[in-house]
Amino acid sequence: MCSRGPRVAAILMLMARAPRRGEDEDGPLDEDLDRFSGATQACPKCGTELHDDVELCWKCGHALGAEVDQKGLPKWVLVTVGVVLLAMLAWMMRGVVA
């Protein structure tokens, strides 16, 4: 056996694993989508088919399952800030009134 035989075999193996021209290198393979087709969801932003356990869309980067709450601050935070501000104002006015 020639000493270049294993090197050629290794190169051929790497070439077989490399993505072929025209295939999408960033996305999942069609075989994987078929295999896991029951465990997928569509990205709400771009519609790409994704596995159901992913956090980000691989195509557009949309964050899944982490919807931002647009309600604002909780009421207890506002009440606490108000009480603290009133206490500070009363403490400052203590020396002015006397």
PDB file of N, CA and C in Angstrom:
ATOM      1  N   MET A   1       0.844  -1.186   0.000  1.00  0.00           N
ATOM      2  CA  MET A   1       0.000   0.000   0.000  1.00  0.00           C
ATOM      3  C   MET A   1       0.882   1.239   0.000  1.00  0.00           C
ATOM      4  N   CYS A   2       0.522   2.183  -0.767  1.00  0.00           N
ATOM      5  CA  CYS A   2       1.239   3.451  -0.908  1.00  0.00           C
ATOM      6  C   CYS A   2       0.974   4.322   0.308  1.00  0.00           C
ATOM      7  N   SER A   3       1.935   5.184   0.707  1.00  0.00           N
ATOM      8  CA  SER A   3       1.776   6.022   1.896  1.00  0.00           C
ATOM      9  C   SER A   3       0.740   7.128   1.671  1.00  0.00           C
ATOM     10  N   ARG A   4       0.406   7.417   0.430  1.00  0.00           N
ATOM     11  CA  ARG A   4      -0.580   8.461   0.168  1.00  0.00           C
ATOM     12  C   ARG A   4      -2.002   7.922   0.197  1.00  0.00           C
ATOM     13  N   GLY A   5      -2.180   6.652   0.280  1.00  0.00           N
ATOM     14  CA  GLY A   5      -3.507   6.043   0.271  1.00  0.00           C
ATOM     15  C   GLY A   5      -4.408   6.543   1.389  1.00  0.00           C
ATOM     16  N   PRO A   6      -3.964   6.535   2.653  1.00  0.00           N
ATOM     17  CA  PRO A   6      -4.821   7.020   3.742  1.00  0.00           C
ATOM     18  C   PRO A   6      -5.125   8.506   3.626  1.00  0.00           C
ATOM     19  N   ARG A   7      -4.184   9.283   3.124  1.00  0.00           N
ATOM     20  CA  ARG A   7      -4.432  10.725   2.954  1.00  0.00           C
ATOM     21  C   ARG A   7      -5.518  10.964   1.915  1.00  0.00           C
ATOM     22  N   VAL A   8      -5.428  10.243   0.819  1.00  0.00           N
ATOM     23  CA  VAL A   8      -6.431  10.391  -0.230  1.00  0.00           C
ATOM     24  C   VAL A   8      -7.788   9.966   0.293  1.00  0.00           C
ATOM     25  N   ALA A   9      -7.828   8.887   1.060  1.00  0.00           N
ATOM     26  CA  ALA A   9      -9.092   8.417   1.628  1.00  0.00           C
ATOM     27  C   ALA A   9      -9.681   9.455   2.581  1.00  0.00           C
ATOM     28  N   ALA A  10      -8.827  10.082   3.398  1.00  0.00           N
ATOM     29  CA  ALA A  10      -9.304  11.104   4.328  1.00  0.00           C
ATOM     30  C   ALA A  10      -9.845  12.317   3.582  1.00  0.00           C
ATOM     31  N   ILE A  11      -9.172  12.722   2.517  1.00  0.00           N
ATOM     32  CA  ILE A  11      -9.637  13.867   1.725  1.00  0.00           C
ATOM     33  C   ILE A  11     -10.974  13.550   1.077  1.00  0.00           C
ATOM     34  N   LEU A  12     -11.109  12.337   0.555  1.00  0.00           N
ATOM     35  CA  LEU A  12     -12.371  11.950  -0.059  1.00  0.00           C
ATOM     36  C   LEU A  12     -13.511  11.924   0.955  1.00  0.00           C
ATOM     37  N   MET A  13     -13.217  11.492   2.183  1.00  0.00           N
ATOM     38  CA  MET A  13     -14.242  11.493   3.230  1.00  0.00           C
ATOM     39  C   MET A  13     -14.666  12.911   3.573  1.00  0.00           C
ATOM     40  N   LEU A  14     -13.700  13.832   3.661  1.00  0.00           N
ATOM     41  CA  LEU A  14     -14.034  15.229   3.953  1.00  0.00           C
ATOM     42  C   LEU A  14     -14.839  15.854   2.828  1.00  0.00           C
ATOM     43  N   MET A  15     -14.499  15.527   1.607  1.00  0.00           N
ATOM     44  CA  MET A  15     -15.239  16.065   0.467  1.00  0.00           C
ATOM     45  C   MET A  15     -16.671  15.534   0.439  1.00  0.00           C
ATOM     46  N   ALA A  16     -16.865  14.305   0.869  1.00  0.00           N
ATOM     47  CA  ALA A  16     -18.211  13.732   0.894  1.00  0.00           C
ATOM     48  C   ALA A  16     -19.075  14.419   1.946  1.00  0.00           C
ATOM     49  N   ARG A  17     -18.462  14.877   3.033  1.00  0.00           N
ATOM     50  CA  ARG A  17     -19.211  15.556   4.095  1.00  0.00           C
ATOM     51  C   ARG A  17     -19.472  17.019   3.776  1.00  0.00           C
ATOM     52  N   ALA A  18     -18.669  17.612   2.899  1.00  0.00           N
ATOM     53  CA  ALA A  18     -18.799  19.034   2.591  1.00  0.00           C
ATOM     54  C   ALA A  18     -20.124  19.291   1.881  1.00  0.00           C
ATOM     55  N   PRO A  19     -20.751  20.445   2.150  1.00  0.00           N
ATOM     56  CA  PRO A  19     -22.007  20.758   1.468  1.00  0.00           C
ATOM     57  C   PRO A  19     -21.783  20.925  -0.029  1.00  0.00           C
ATOM     58  N   ARG A  20     -22.711  20.442  -0.783  1.00  0.00           N
ATOM     59  CA  ARG A  20     -22.613  20.553  -2.230  1.00  0.00           C
ATOM     60  C   ARG A  20     -23.052  21.937  -2.688  1.00  0.00           C
ATOM     61  N   ARG A  21     -22.584  22.315  -3.819  1.00  0.00           N
ATOM     62  CA  ARG A  21     -22.917  23.621  -4.368  1.00  0.00           C
ATOM     63  C   ARG A  21     -24.428  23.725  -4.524  1.00  0.00           C
ATOM     64  N   GLY A  22     -24.983  24.816  -4.048  1.00  0.00           N
ATOM     65  CA  GLY A  22     -26.412  25.037  -4.146  1.00  0.00           C
ATOM     66  C   GLY A  22     -27.175  24.643  -2.891  1.00  0.00           C
ATOM     67  N   GLU A  23     -26.564  23.877  -1.992  1.00  0.00           N
ATOM     68  CA  GLU A  23     -27.235  23.522  -0.754  1.00  0.00           C
ATOM     69  C   GLU A  23     -27.069  24.659   0.242  1.00  0.00           C
ATOM     70  N   ASP A  24     -28.049  24.831   1.079  1.00  0.00           N
ATOM     71  CA  ASP A  24     -27.989  25.870   2.102  1.00  0.00           C
ATOM     72  C   ASP A  24     -27.119  25.381   3.248  1.00  0.00           C
ATOM     73  N   GLU A  25     -25.994  26.029   3.488  1.00  0.00           N
ATOM     74  CA  GLU A  25     -25.044  25.577   4.499  1.00  0.00           C
ATOM     75  C   GLU A  25     -25.502  25.897   5.915  1.00  0.00           C
ATOM     76  N   ASP A  26     -26.334  26.933   6.096  1.00  0.00           N
ATOM     77  CA  ASP A  26     -26.720  27.353   7.432  1.00  0.00           C
ATOM     78  C   ASP A  26     -27.943  26.615   7.956  1.00  0.00           C
ATOM     79  N   GLY A  27     -28.779  26.123   7.109  1.00  0.00           N
ATOM     80  CA  GLY A  27     -30.027  25.508   7.533  1.00  0.00           C
ATOM     81  C   GLY A  27     -29.922  24.016   7.736  1.00  0.00           C
ATOM     82  N   PRO A  28     -30.988  23.436   8.245  1.00  0.00           N
ATOM     83  CA  PRO A  28     -31.002  21.994   8.447  1.00  0.00           C
ATOM     84  C   PRO A  28     -31.115  21.256   7.123  1.00  0.00           C
ATOM     85  N   LEU A  29     -30.658  20.029   7.108  1.00  0.00           N
ATOM     86  CA  LEU A  29     -30.756  19.208   5.908  1.00  0.00           C
ATOM     87  C   LEU A  29     -32.191  18.741   5.722  1.00  0.00           C
ATOM     88  N   ASP A  30     -32.553  18.479   4.478  1.00  0.00           N
ATOM     89  CA  ASP A  30     -33.901  18.001   4.181  1.00  0.00           C
ATOM     90  C   ASP A  30     -34.186  16.675   4.885  1.00  0.00           C
ATOM     91  N   GLU A  31     -33.164  15.813   4.987  1.00  0.00           N
ATOM     92  CA  GLU A  31     -33.358  14.537   5.670  1.00  0.00           C
ATOM     93  C   GLU A  31     -33.708  14.755   7.145  1.00  0.00           C
ATOM     94  N   ASP A  32     -33.067  15.744   7.776  1.00  0.00           N
ATOM     95  CA  ASP A  32     -33.352  16.021   9.178  1.00  0.00           C
ATOM     96  C   ASP A  32     -34.762  16.580   9.344  1.00  0.00           C
ATOM     97  N   LEU A  33     -35.180  17.437   8.425  1.00  0.00           N
ATOM     98  CA  LEU A  33     -36.533  17.979   8.504  1.00  0.00           C
ATOM     99  C   LEU A  33     -37.566  16.870   8.353  1.00  0.00           C
ATOM    100  N   ASP A  34     -37.312  15.935   7.444  1.00  0.00           N
ATOM    101  CA  ASP A  34     -38.234  14.811   7.279  1.00  0.00           C
ATOM    102  C   ASP A  34     -38.249  13.931   8.524  1.00  0.00           C
ATOM    103  N   ARG A  35     -37.077  13.704   9.084  1.00  0.00           N
ATOM    104  CA  ARG A  35     -36.954  12.830  10.247  1.00  0.00           C
ATOM    105  C   ARG A  35     -37.649  13.411  11.472  1.00  0.00           C
ATOM    106  N   PHE A  36     -37.523  14.712  11.660  1.00  0.00           N
ATOM    107  CA  PHE A  36     -38.098  15.368  12.833  1.00  0.00           C
ATOM    108  C   PHE A  36     -39.300  16.242  12.467  1.00  0.00           C
ATOM    109  N   SER A  37     -40.027  15.878  11.445  1.00  0.00           N
ATOM    110  CA  SER A  37     -41.110  16.728  10.961  1.00  0.00           C
ATOM    111  C   SER A  37     -42.221  16.904  11.988  1.00  0.00           C
ATOM    112  N   GLY A  38     -42.396  15.963  12.889  1.00  0.00           N
ATOM    113  CA  GLY A  38     -43.441  16.092  13.895  1.00  0.00           C
ATOM    114  C   GLY A  38     -43.059  17.020  15.029  1.00  0.00           C
ATOM    115  N   ALA A  39     -41.822  17.433  15.113  1.00  0.00           N
ATOM    116  CA  ALA A  39     -41.340  18.260  16.218  1.00  0.00           C
ATOM    117  C   ALA A  39     -40.830  19.591  15.701  1.00  0.00           C
ATOM    118  N   THR A  40     -41.625  20.236  14.864  1.00  0.00           N
ATOM    119  CA  THR A  40     -41.196  21.519  14.302  1.00  0.00           C
ATOM    120  C   THR A  40     -42.268  22.579  14.502  1.00  0.00           C
ATOM    121  N   GLN A  41     -41.849  23.815  14.316  1.00  0.00           N
ATOM    122  CA  GLN A  41     -42.751  24.958  14.357  1.00  0.00           C
ATOM    123  C   GLN A  41     -42.283  25.959  13.308  1.00  0.00           C
ATOM    124  N   ALA A  42     -43.163  26.833  12.905  1.00  0.00           N
ATOM    125  CA  ALA A  42     -42.819  27.853  11.917  1.00  0.00           C
ATOM    126  C   ALA A  42     -42.399  29.127  12.636  1.00  0.00           C
ATOM    127  N   CYS A  43     -41.369  29.786  12.116  1.00  0.00           N
ATOM    128  CA  CYS A  43     -40.944  31.071  12.666  1.00  0.00           C
ATOM    129  C   CYS A  43     -42.045  32.093  12.383  1.00  0.00           C
ATOM    130  N   PRO A  44     -42.495  32.849  13.392  1.00  0.00           N
ATOM    131  CA  PRO A  44     -43.568  33.818  13.158  1.00  0.00           C
ATOM    132  C   PRO A  44     -43.137  34.997  12.281  1.00  0.00           C
ATOM    133  N   LYS A  45     -41.838  35.235  12.173  1.00  0.00           N
ATOM    134  CA  LYS A  45     -41.359  36.374  11.395  1.00  0.00           C
ATOM    135  C   LYS A  45     -41.146  36.026   9.925  1.00  0.00           C
ATOM    136  N   CYS A  46     -40.437  34.904   9.653  1.00  0.00           N
ATOM    137  CA  CYS A  46     -40.092  34.585   8.264  1.00  0.00           C
ATOM    138  C   CYS A  46     -40.745  33.308   7.755  1.00  0.00           C
ATOM    139  N   GLY A  47     -41.355  32.504   8.653  1.00  0.00           N
ATOM    140  CA  GLY A  47     -42.043  31.299   8.244  1.00  0.00           C
ATOM    141  C   GLY A  47     -41.167  30.084   8.054  1.00  0.00           C
ATOM    142  N   THR A  48     -39.888  30.160   8.391  1.00  0.00           N
ATOM    143  CA  THR A  48     -38.974  29.032   8.249  1.00  0.00           C
ATOM    144  C   THR A  48     -39.365  27.925   9.217  1.00  0.00           C
ATOM    145  N   GLU A  49     -39.298  26.687   8.767  1.00  0.00           N
ATOM    146  CA  GLU A  49     -39.608  25.534   9.608  1.00  0.00           C
ATOM    147  C   GLU A  49     -38.451  25.296  10.579  1.00  0.00           C
ATOM    148  N   LEU A  50     -38.746  25.265  11.893  1.00  0.00           N
ATOM    149  CA  LEU A  50     -37.732  25.145  12.930  1.00  0.00           C
ATOM    150  C   LEU A  50     -38.079  24.011  13.877  1.00  0.00           C
ATOM    151  N   HIS A  51     -37.069  23.448  14.531  1.00  0.00           N
ATOM    152  CA  HIS A  51     -37.327  22.473  15.581  1.00  0.00           C
ATOM    153  C   HIS A  51     -38.045  23.181  16.725  1.00  0.00           C
ATOM    154  N   ASP A  52     -38.862  22.444  17.452  1.00  0.00           N
ATOM    155  CA  ASP A  52     -39.677  23.084  18.482  1.00  0.00           C
ATOM    156  C   ASP A  52     -38.901  23.488  19.729  1.00  0.00           C
ATOM    157  N   ASP A  53     -37.633  23.094  19.864  1.00  0.00           N
ATOM    158  CA  ASP A  53     -36.866  23.440  21.057  1.00  0.00           C
ATOM    159  C   ASP A  53     -35.827  24.535  20.822  1.00  0.00           C
ATOM    160  N   VAL A  54     -35.860  25.195  19.682  1.00  0.00           N
ATOM    161  CA  VAL A  54     -34.874  26.247  19.405  1.00  0.00           C
ATOM    162  C   VAL A  54     -35.318  27.563  20.025  1.00  0.00           C
ATOM    163  N   GLU A  55     -34.356  28.413  20.315  1.00  0.00           N
ATOM    164  CA  GLU A  55     -34.650  29.719  20.897  1.00  0.00           C
ATOM    165  C   GLU A  55     -34.581  30.831  19.867  1.00  0.00           C
ATOM    166  N   LEU A  56     -33.767  30.626  18.805  1.00  0.00           N
ATOM    167  CA  LEU A  56     -33.612  31.624  17.758  1.00  0.00           C
ATOM    168  C   LEU A  56     -33.843  30.985  16.400  1.00  0.00           C
ATOM    169  N   CYS A  57     -34.407  31.744  15.491  1.00  0.00           N
ATOM    170  CA  CYS A  57     -34.547  31.282  14.116  1.00  0.00           C
ATOM    171  C   CYS A  57     -33.181  31.346  13.451  1.00  0.00           C
ATOM    172  N   TRP A  58     -32.786  30.266  12.795  1.00  0.00           N
ATOM    173  CA  TRP A  58     -31.473  30.220  12.158  1.00  0.00           C
ATOM    174  C   TRP A  58     -31.418  31.102  10.916  1.00  0.00           C
ATOM    175  N   LYS A  59     -32.553  31.441  10.361  1.00  0.00           N
ATOM    176  CA  LYS A  59     -32.569  32.221   9.128  1.00  0.00           C
ATOM    177  C   LYS A  59     -32.633  33.727   9.383  1.00  0.00           C
ATOM    178  N   CYS A  60     -33.569  34.165  10.240  1.00  0.00           N
ATOM    179  CA  CYS A  60     -33.746  35.611  10.446  1.00  0.00           C
ATOM    180  C   CYS A  60     -33.295  36.095  11.816  1.00  0.00           C
ATOM    181  N   GLY A  61     -33.028  35.178  12.759  1.00  0.00           N
ATOM    182  CA  GLY A  61     -32.552  35.569  14.076  1.00  0.00           C
ATOM    183  C   GLY A  61     -33.642  35.953  15.055  1.00  0.00           C
ATOM    184  N   HIS A  62     -34.912  35.753  14.692  1.00  0.00           N
ATOM    185  CA  HIS A  62     -36.025  36.104  15.565  1.00  0.00           C
ATOM    186  C   HIS A  62     -35.999  35.254  16.835  1.00  0.00           C
ATOM    187  N   ALA A  63     -36.163  35.877  18.004  1.00  0.00           N
ATOM    188  CA  ALA A  63     -36.194  35.149  19.272  1.00  0.00           C
ATOM    189  C   ALA A  63     -37.574  34.532  19.447  1.00  0.00           C
ATOM    190  N   LEU A  64     -37.592  33.220  19.675  1.00  0.00           N
ATOM    191  CA  LEU A  64     -38.854  32.502  19.831  1.00  0.00           C
ATOM    192  C   LEU A  64     -39.152  32.274  21.298  1.00  0.00           C
ATOM    193  N   GLY A  65     -40.410  32.368  21.674  1.00  0.00           N
ATOM    194  CA  GLY A  65     -40.828  32.064  23.036  1.00  0.00           C
ATOM    195  C   GLY A  65     -40.443  33.101  24.058  1.00  0.00           C
ATOM    196  N   ALA A  66     -39.850  34.174  23.651  1.00  0.00           N
ATOM    197  CA  ALA A  66     -39.440  35.224  24.586  1.00  0.00           C
ATOM    198  C   ALA A  66     -40.127  36.528  24.205  1.00  0.00           C
ATOM    199  N   GLU A  67     -41.441  36.483  24.192  1.00  0.00           N
ATOM    200  CA  GLU A  67     -42.193  37.682  23.846  1.00  0.00           C
ATOM    201  C   GLU A  67     -41.991  38.742  24.927  1.00  0.00           C
ATOM    202  N   VAL A  68     -41.745  39.953  24.507  1.00  0.00           N
ATOM    203  CA  VAL A  68     -41.489  41.054  25.437  1.00  0.00           C
ATOM    204  C   VAL A  68     -42.814  41.562  25.983  1.00  0.00           C
ATOM    205  N   ASP A  69     -42.877  41.682  27.297  1.00  0.00           N
ATOM    206  CA  ASP A  69     -44.090  42.183  27.944  1.00  0.00           C
ATOM    207  C   ASP A  69     -44.140  43.697  27.779  1.00  0.00           C
ATOM    208  N   GLN A  70     -45.167  44.185  27.125  1.00  0.00           N
ATOM    209  CA  GLN A  70     -45.286  45.611  26.825  1.00  0.00           C
ATOM    210  C   GLN A  70     -46.152  46.347  27.844  1.00  0.00           C
ATOM    211  N   LYS A  71     -46.492  45.723  28.965  1.00  0.00           N
ATOM    212  CA  LYS A  71     -47.370  46.338  29.953  1.00  0.00           C
ATOM    213  C   LYS A  71     -46.680  47.411  30.772  1.00  0.00           C
ATOM    214  N   GLY A  72     -45.396  47.390  30.859  1.00  0.00           N
ATOM    215  CA  GLY A  72     -44.677  48.377  31.649  1.00  0.00           C
ATOM    216  C   GLY A  72     -44.270  47.810  32.999  1.00  0.00           C
ATOM    217  N   LEU A  73     -43.982  48.704  33.940  1.00  0.00           N
ATOM    218  CA  LEU A  73     -43.536  48.291  35.266  1.00  0.00           C
ATOM    219  C   LEU A  73     -44.704  47.760  36.091  1.00  0.00           C
ATOM    220  N   PRO A  74     -44.434  46.798  36.969  1.00  0.00           N
ATOM    221  CA  PRO A  74     -45.485  46.319  37.870  1.00  0.00           C
ATOM    222  C   PRO A  74     -45.904  47.427  38.834  1.00  0.00           C
ATOM    223  N   LYS A  75     -47.118  47.330  39.329  1.00  0.00           N
ATOM    224  CA  LYS A  75     -47.654  48.369  40.218  1.00  0.00           C
ATOM    225  C   LYS A  75     -46.864  48.481  41.506  1.00  0.00           C
ATOM    226  N   TRP A  76     -46.353  47.338  42.021  1.00  0.00           N
ATOM    227  CA  TRP A  76     -45.643  47.399  43.287  1.00  0.00           C
ATOM    228  C   TRP A  76     -44.370  48.224  43.170  1.00  0.00           C
ATOM    229  N   VAL A  77     -43.757  48.256  41.992  1.00  0.00           N
ATOM    230  CA  VAL A  77     -42.547  49.050  41.795  1.00  0.00           C
ATOM    231  C   VAL A  77     -42.895  50.535  41.846  1.00  0.00           C
ATOM    232  N   LEU A  78     -43.977  50.900  41.174  1.00  0.00           N
ATOM    233  CA  LEU A  78     -44.398  52.308  41.171  1.00  0.00           C
ATOM    234  C   LEU A  78     -44.784  52.774  42.575  1.00  0.00           C
ATOM    235  N   VAL A  79     -45.497  51.936  43.324  1.00  0.00           N
ATOM    236  CA  VAL A  79     -45.895  52.301  44.685  1.00  0.00           C
ATOM    237  C   VAL A  79     -44.661  52.452  45.574  1.00  0.00           C
ATOM    238  N   THR A  80     -43.715  51.544  45.457  1.00  0.00           N
ATOM    239  CA  THR A  80     -42.494  51.607  46.270  1.00  0.00           C
ATOM    240  C   THR A  80     -41.700  52.876  45.968  1.00  0.00           C
ATOM    241  N   VAL A  81     -41.561  53.198  44.695  1.00  0.00           N
ATOM    242  CA  VAL A  81     -40.832  54.419  44.321  1.00  0.00           C
ATOM    243  C   VAL A  81     -41.562  55.653  44.862  1.00  0.00           C
ATOM    244  N   GLY A  82     -42.880  55.670  44.765  1.00  0.00           N
ATOM    245  CA  GLY A  82     -43.653  56.804  45.281  1.00  0.00           C
ATOM    246  C   GLY A  82     -43.488  56.978  46.777  1.00  0.00           C
ATOM    247  N   VAL A  83     -43.541  55.887  47.530  1.00  0.00           N
ATOM    248  CA  VAL A  83     -43.384  55.948  48.988  1.00  0.00           C
ATOM    249  C   VAL A  83     -41.992  56.435  49.354  1.00  0.00           C
ATOM    250  N   VAL A  84     -40.979  55.936  48.674  1.00  0.00           N
ATOM    251  CA  VAL A  84     -39.607  56.362  48.951  1.00  0.00           C
ATOM    252  C   VAL A  84     -39.435  57.849  48.649  1.00  0.00           C
ATOM    253  N   LEU A  85     -39.984  58.315  47.535  1.00  0.00           N
ATOM    254  CA  LEU A  85     -39.880  59.748  47.202  1.00  0.00           C
ATOM    255  C   LEU A  85     -40.609  60.614  48.222  1.00  0.00           C
ATOM    256  N   LEU A  86     -41.785  60.195  48.664  1.00  0.00           N
ATOM    257  CA  LEU A  86     -42.507  60.966  49.694  1.00  0.00           C
ATOM    258  C   LEU A  86     -41.736  60.978  51.011  1.00  0.00           C
ATOM    259  N   ALA A  87     -41.124  59.854  51.369  1.00  0.00           N
ATOM    260  CA  ALA A  87     -40.339  59.809  52.604  1.00  0.00           C
ATOM    261  C   ALA A  87     -39.130  60.734  52.506  1.00  0.00           C
ATOM    262  N   MET A  88     -38.471  60.759  51.363  1.00  0.00           N
ATOM    263  CA  MET A  88     -37.322  61.655  51.183  1.00  0.00           C
ATOM    264  C   MET A  88     -37.763  63.117  51.236  1.00  0.00           C
ATOM    265  N   LEU A  89     -38.889  63.428  50.618  1.00  0.00           N
ATOM    266  CA  LEU A  89     -39.403  64.795  50.639  1.00  0.00           C
ATOM    267  C   LEU A  89     -39.765  65.211  52.056  1.00  0.00           C
ATOM    268  N   ALA A  90     -40.419  64.340  52.818  1.00  0.00           N
ATOM    269  CA  ALA A  90     -40.776  64.651  54.206  1.00  0.00           C
ATOM    270  C   ALA A  90     -39.529  64.843  55.052  1.00  0.00           C
ATOM    271  N   TRP A  91     -38.500  64.032  54.827  1.00  0.00           N
ATOM    272  CA  TRP A  91     -37.259  64.159  55.596  1.00  0.00           C
ATOM    273  C   TRP A  91     -36.567  65.478  55.280  1.00  0.00           C
ATOM    274  N   MET A  92     -36.579  65.878  53.991  1.00  0.00           N
ATOM    275  CA  MET A  92     -35.955  67.145  53.609  1.00  0.00           C
ATOM    276  C   MET A  92     -36.734  68.344  54.124  1.00  0.00           C
ATOM    277  N   MET A  93     -38.061  68.233  54.153  1.00  0.00           N
ATOM    278  CA  MET A  93     -38.887  69.338  54.614  1.00  0.00           C
ATOM    279  C   MET A  93     -38.878  69.462  56.136  1.00  0.00           C
ATOM    280  N   ARG A  94     -38.446  68.472  56.836  1.00  0.00           N
ATOM    281  CA  ARG A  94     -38.410  68.453  58.296  1.00  0.00           C
ATOM    282  C   ARG A  94     -37.585  69.637  58.810  1.00  0.00           C
ATOM    283  N   GLY A  95     -36.476  69.919  58.209  1.00  0.00           N
ATOM    284  CA  GLY A  95     -35.602  71.011  58.680  1.00  0.00           C
ATOM    285  C   GLY A  95     -36.111  72.374  58.227  1.00  0.00           C
ATOM    286  N   VAL A  96     -36.862  72.462  57.142  1.00  0.00           N
ATOM    287  CA  VAL A  96     -37.337  73.734  56.634  1.00  0.00           C
ATOM    288  C   VAL A  96     -38.536  74.226  57.456  1.00  0.00           C
ATOM    289  N   VAL A  97     -39.427  73.354  57.855  1.00  0.00           N
ATOM    290  CA  VAL A  97     -40.637  73.720  58.579  1.00  0.00           C
ATOM    291  C   VAL A  97     -40.317  74.122  60.005  1.00  0.00           C
ATOM    292  N   ALA A  98     -39.388  73.480  60.638  1.00  0.00           N
ATOM    293  CA  ALA A  98     -39.108  73.749  62.058  1.00  0.00           C
ATOM    294  C   ALA A  98     -38.467  75.048  62.307  1.00  0.00           C
TER     295      ALA A  98
END
